[in-house]
Amino acid sequence: MPWLAVPLWDVANGQGLRQLAELGLALLLSSLIGWEREAQQKSAGLRTHTLVGVASALMMEVSQHGFTEVLGLPNVSFDPSRVAAQIVSGIGFIGGGLIFVRRSAVRGLTTAATIWLTCAVGMACGGGLPILALATTALHFLVVRGYPHIAGRFPGGGVPGTVEVRLTYLTGRSLLPRLLEACTRRGFRILEVRADRLPGRTDAAARVLLRLEGTTDAGQLASELFHDEGVIDVQLGLGEEDDA
């Protein structure tokens, strides 16, 4: 067959410096996006995003240049856009694996969307659209880093975070319902309540762990709870970082 005579290392057949440069650009941009996710300690970080971006770019290169030698054969036709469509469908499996639900709260949406965006950036690099790839990478940093600060200026805005509040309080005063009401009044959503007795104390004290989610100041909540009669001690701790 004629296509068997084509040299394996034919740089003129989609394996030249241009294609290597496009793969290198995909490597750089996807690494930048992955670095941002790694800095936020997300489950999909530098390596995952970089591999997604480079692989997407390579698949675009294959869709454009990998079948040129067989297109001239009889009864052979090819639509390069079909490969791009399959890349978009396939990346959904990775994104879907990053999304999980815990106590009716959805986590991982931003990281899953970032994986999808990294795939698109890699496809743009492999498709010979470096300006669009660069612009999309810049928009990623604007949205992920800048939008939380903008949203925080609006009432009820901002990225929800979780906080753990450990309370030591005196029992027998119907105090716990009042403390929970104070949390919800401050705009926090209660994710978990776990109460334990404190043996060895002369007074009837108990300790409760509250996992809360919200965008307001947890310090003000702790101050309000501490000044409630019957509360002995209040400790604040950061919970798992949320990913909306």
Protein backbone atom coordinates (compact mmCIF):
# COMPACT_ATOMS: atom_id res chain seq x y z
CA MET A 1 0.00 0.00 0.00
CA PRO A 2 1.27 3.53 -0.74
CA TRP A 3 0.93 4.78 2.83
CA LEU A 4 3.26 2.06 4.09
CA ALA A 5 6.11 3.76 2.19
CA VAL A 6 5.85 6.91 4.31
CA PRO A 7 8.89 7.24 6.64
CA LEU A 8 8.16 6.69 10.33
CA TRP A 9 10.01 9.87 11.32
CA ASP A 10 8.42 12.10 8.66
CA VAL A 11 8.51 15.56 10.29
CA ALA A 12 6.52 17.02 7.41
CA ASN A 13 3.56 14.82 8.26
CA GLY A 14 2.33 16.53 11.45
CA GLN A 15 5.39 15.69 13.54
CA GLY A 16 7.41 18.86 13.12
CA LEU A 17 8.43 21.76 15.32
CA ARG A 18 4.99 23.36 15.15
CA GLN A 19 3.31 20.31 16.67
CA LEU A 20 5.99 19.99 19.33
CA ALA A 21 5.54 23.67 20.17
CA GLU A 22 1.79 23.16 20.51
CA LEU A 23 2.34 20.25 22.87
CA GLY A 24 4.82 22.35 24.84
CA LEU A 25 2.30 25.18 25.13
CA ALA A 26 -0.34 22.73 26.35
CA LEU A 27 2.17 21.47 28.91
CA LEU A 28 2.86 24.99 30.17
CA LEU A 29 -0.74 26.20 30.37
CA SER A 30 -2.17 23.03 31.89
CA SER A 31 0.68 23.04 34.43
CA LEU A 32 -0.24 26.59 35.45
CA ILE A 33 -3.87 25.59 35.96
CA GLY A 34 -2.82 22.46 37.84
CA TRP A 35 -0.46 24.47 40.02
CA GLU A 36 -3.34 26.70 41.11
CA ARG A 37 -5.42 23.65 42.07
CA GLU A 38 -2.43 22.09 43.83
CA ALA A 39 -1.95 25.28 45.83
CA GLN A 40 -5.56 24.96 46.98
CA GLN A 41 -4.85 21.33 48.02
CA LYS A 42 -7.49 19.88 45.74
CA SER A 43 -7.76 16.20 44.92
CA ALA A 44 -6.88 16.82 41.27
CA GLY A 45 -3.72 18.91 41.24
CA LEU A 46 -0.63 19.58 39.17
CA ARG A 47 -0.06 16.14 37.67
CA THR A 48 -3.70 15.43 36.84
CA HIS A 49 -4.31 18.75 35.07
CA THR A 50 -1.02 18.59 33.21
CA LEU A 51 -1.69 15.09 31.92
CA VAL A 52 -5.23 16.04 30.86
CA GLY A 53 -4.01 19.10 28.97
CA VAL A 54 -1.14 17.37 27.17
CA ALA A 55 -3.23 14.31 26.32
CA SER A 56 -6.01 16.49 24.90
CA ALA A 57 -3.49 18.37 22.77
CA LEU A 58 -2.00 15.12 21.47
CA MET A 59 -5.43 13.75 20.57
CA MET A 60 -6.13 16.91 18.60
CA GLU A 61 -2.83 16.52 16.78
CA VAL A 62 -3.71 12.93 15.93
CA SER A 63 -7.15 13.97 14.69
CA GLN A 64 -5.60 16.52 12.34
CA HIS A 65 -2.45 14.78 11.13
CA GLY A 66 -2.72 11.12 12.01
CA PHE A 67 -4.90 10.10 9.09
CA THR A 68 -3.58 12.20 6.21
CA GLU A 69 -1.97 9.24 4.44
CA VAL A 70 -5.17 7.19 4.27
CA LEU A 71 -7.51 9.97 3.17
CA GLY A 72 -6.48 9.53 -0.45
CA LEU A 73 -7.50 5.89 -0.51
CA PRO A 74 -10.81 4.86 -2.11
CA ASN A 75 -13.90 4.82 0.12
CA VAL A 76 -12.05 6.55 2.97
CA SER A 77 -13.45 9.71 4.56
CA PHE A 78 -12.72 11.34 7.89
CA ASP A 79 -14.29 14.06 10.06
CA PRO A 80 -11.68 15.51 12.46
CA SER A 81 -14.41 17.09 14.61
CA ARG A 82 -15.54 13.65 15.73
CA VAL A 83 -12.31 13.16 17.67
CA ALA A 84 -12.76 16.50 19.43
CA ALA A 85 -16.32 15.54 20.40
CA GLN A 86 -15.13 12.24 21.88
CA ILE A 87 -12.47 14.05 23.93
CA VAL A 88 -15.15 16.25 25.49
CA SER A 89 -17.32 13.21 26.27
CA GLY A 90 -14.45 11.19 27.68
CA ILE A 91 -13.19 13.87 30.03
CA GLY A 92 -16.56 13.79 31.75
CA PHE A 93 -15.62 10.52 33.44
CA ILE A 94 -12.70 12.19 35.23
CA GLY A 95 -14.76 15.22 36.16
CA GLY A 96 -17.62 13.09 37.42
CA GLY A 97 -15.25 11.15 39.64
CA LEU A 98 -14.21 14.36 41.41
CA ILE A 99 -17.75 15.32 42.42
CA PHE A 100 -19.18 13.81 45.57
CA VAL A 101 -22.01 14.53 47.97
CA ARG A 102 -21.58 14.61 51.74
CA ARG A 103 -24.58 15.23 53.95
CA SER A 104 -26.50 16.88 51.08
CA ALA A 105 -23.55 19.21 50.36
CA VAL A 106 -21.98 18.92 46.89
CA ARG A 107 -18.17 19.06 46.69
CA GLY A 108 -15.69 19.10 43.83
CA LEU A 109 -17.67 21.06 41.25
CA THR A 110 -15.02 23.72 40.71
CA THR A 111 -12.20 21.20 40.33
CA ALA A 112 -14.29 19.12 37.92
CA ALA A 113 -15.02 22.23 35.86
CA THR A 114 -11.31 23.09 35.90
CA ILE A 115 -10.47 19.63 34.54
CA TRP A 116 -12.96 20.27 31.73
CA LEU A 117 -11.43 23.69 31.05
CA THR A 118 -7.90 22.23 31.02
CA CYS A 119 -9.07 19.72 28.43
CA ALA A 120 -10.38 22.57 26.28
CA VAL A 121 -7.10 24.47 26.65
CA GLY A 122 -5.16 21.40 25.53
CA MET A 123 -7.50 20.94 22.57
CA ALA A 124 -7.01 24.58 21.58
CA CYS A 125 -3.23 24.15 21.72
CA GLY A 126 -3.36 20.97 19.65
CA GLY A 127 -5.80 22.57 17.23
CA GLY A 128 -3.46 25.45 16.45
CA LEU A 129 -5.32 28.12 18.46
CA PRO A 130 -2.67 29.35 20.92
CA ILE A 131 -4.19 32.80 21.45
CA LEU A 132 -7.49 31.29 22.57
CA ALA A 133 -5.63 28.86 24.82
CA LEU A 134 -3.67 31.68 26.46
CA ALA A 135 -6.79 33.81 26.89
CA THR A 136 -8.73 30.92 28.44
CA THR A 137 -5.92 30.21 30.89
CA ALA A 138 -5.92 33.86 31.95
CA LEU A 139 -9.71 33.75 32.36
CA HIS A 140 -9.34 30.68 34.57
CA PHE A 141 -7.19 32.59 37.06
CA LEU A 142 -9.56 35.56 36.91
CA VAL A 143 -12.60 33.41 37.73
CA VAL A 144 -11.06 31.06 40.31
CA ARG A 145 -8.92 33.61 42.13
CA GLY A 146 -10.79 36.86 41.54
CA TYR A 147 -14.47 35.97 41.69
CA PRO A 148 -14.49 34.82 45.35
CA HIS A 149 -13.30 38.29 46.38
CA ILE A 150 -15.97 39.94 44.23
CA ALA A 151 -18.71 37.62 45.50
CA GLY A 152 -17.64 38.29 49.09
CA ARG A 153 -18.66 41.94 48.69
CA PHE A 154 -22.31 40.99 48.22
CA PRO A 155 -24.58 40.03 51.11
CA GLY A 156 -24.46 36.27 51.51
CA GLY A 157 -21.77 36.04 48.85
CA GLY A 158 -18.36 34.42 48.95
CA VAL A 159 -17.18 30.84 48.82
CA PRO A 160 -18.67 28.77 51.66
CA GLY A 161 -16.13 27.42 54.12
CA THR A 162 -16.44 24.90 56.89
CA VAL A 163 -15.50 25.51 60.49
CA GLU A 164 -15.51 23.28 63.56
CA VAL A 165 -16.77 24.72 66.84
CA ARG A 166 -16.11 22.76 70.06
CA LEU A 167 -18.31 23.91 72.91
CA THR A 168 -18.14 22.92 76.55
CA TYR A 169 -21.38 23.81 78.26
CA LEU A 170 -23.50 22.97 81.30
CA THR A 171 -26.33 20.56 80.69
CA GLY A 172 -29.87 20.68 82.04
CA ARG A 173 -30.55 24.21 80.85
CA SER A 174 -31.88 23.53 77.33
CA LEU A 175 -28.79 25.37 76.15
CA LEU A 176 -27.93 23.37 73.02
CA PRO A 177 -31.02 24.37 70.98
CA ARG A 178 -30.29 28.01 71.75
CA LEU A 179 -26.67 27.62 70.62
CA LEU A 180 -27.75 25.97 67.37
CA GLU A 181 -30.23 28.76 66.75
CA ALA A 182 -27.42 31.30 67.17
CA CYS A 183 -25.39 29.49 64.49
CA THR A 184 -28.21 29.55 61.96
CA ARG A 185 -29.02 33.16 62.81
CA ARG A 186 -25.43 34.06 61.94
CA GLY A 187 -25.90 32.51 58.49
CA PHE A 188 -24.17 29.16 59.09
CA ARG A 189 -25.54 25.84 57.95
CA ILE A 190 -25.16 23.02 60.46
CA LEU A 191 -23.48 19.97 58.88
CA GLU A 192 -22.89 17.86 61.97
CA VAL A 193 -23.65 17.85 65.68
CA ARG A 194 -21.79 15.44 67.97
CA ALA A 195 -22.18 15.66 71.76
CA ASP A 196 -20.23 13.80 74.45
CA ARG A 197 -20.32 13.72 78.21
CA LEU A 198 -17.22 14.82 80.10
CA PRO A 199 -16.58 12.28 82.88
CA GLY A 200 -14.56 13.33 85.87
CA ARG A 201 -16.04 16.82 86.19
CA THR A 202 -17.92 17.82 89.33
CA ASP A 203 -20.44 19.87 87.30
CA ALA A 204 -22.86 18.46 84.70
CA ALA A 205 -20.84 19.52 81.68
CA ALA A 206 -20.91 18.20 78.13
CA ARG A 207 -18.92 18.90 75.00
CA VAL A 208 -20.45 19.28 71.56
CA LEU A 209 -18.70 19.41 68.20
CA LEU A 210 -20.44 21.50 65.55
CA ARG A 211 -19.38 21.38 61.89
CA LEU A 212 -20.72 24.50 60.24
CA GLU A 213 -20.68 25.87 56.72
CA GLY A 214 -20.98 29.53 55.87
CA THR A 215 -19.37 32.68 54.54
CA THR A 216 -19.63 34.91 57.61
CA ASP A 217 -17.04 35.53 60.31
CA ALA A 218 -16.73 32.51 62.62
CA GLY A 219 -14.93 34.64 65.21
CA GLN A 220 -18.02 36.74 65.83
CA LEU A 221 -20.07 33.58 66.19
CA ALA A 222 -17.60 32.20 68.75
CA SER A 223 -17.75 35.44 70.71
CA GLU A 224 -21.53 35.33 70.82
CA LEU A 225 -21.58 31.70 71.90
CA PHE A 226 -18.98 32.26 74.62
CA HIS A 227 -20.98 35.05 76.21
CA ASP A 228 -24.05 32.86 76.49
CA GLU A 229 -24.68 31.91 80.11
CA GLY A 230 -23.80 28.28 80.66
CA VAL A 231 -21.05 28.06 78.04
CA ILE A 232 -17.72 27.18 79.66
CA ASP A 233 -15.35 27.06 76.69
CA VAL A 234 -15.39 27.67 72.92
CA GLN A 235 -12.74 26.46 70.49
CA LEU A 236 -12.62 27.15 66.77
CA GLY A 237 -10.95 24.97 64.15
CA LEU A 238 -10.94 24.94 60.38
CA GLY A 239 -12.86 22.14 58.73
CA GLU A 240 -12.19 20.59 55.33
CA GLU A 241 -11.90 23.21 52.64
CA ASP A 242 -14.93 23.24 50.40
CA ASP A 243 -14.96 23.22 46.67
CA ALA A 244 -18.18 24.57 45.34
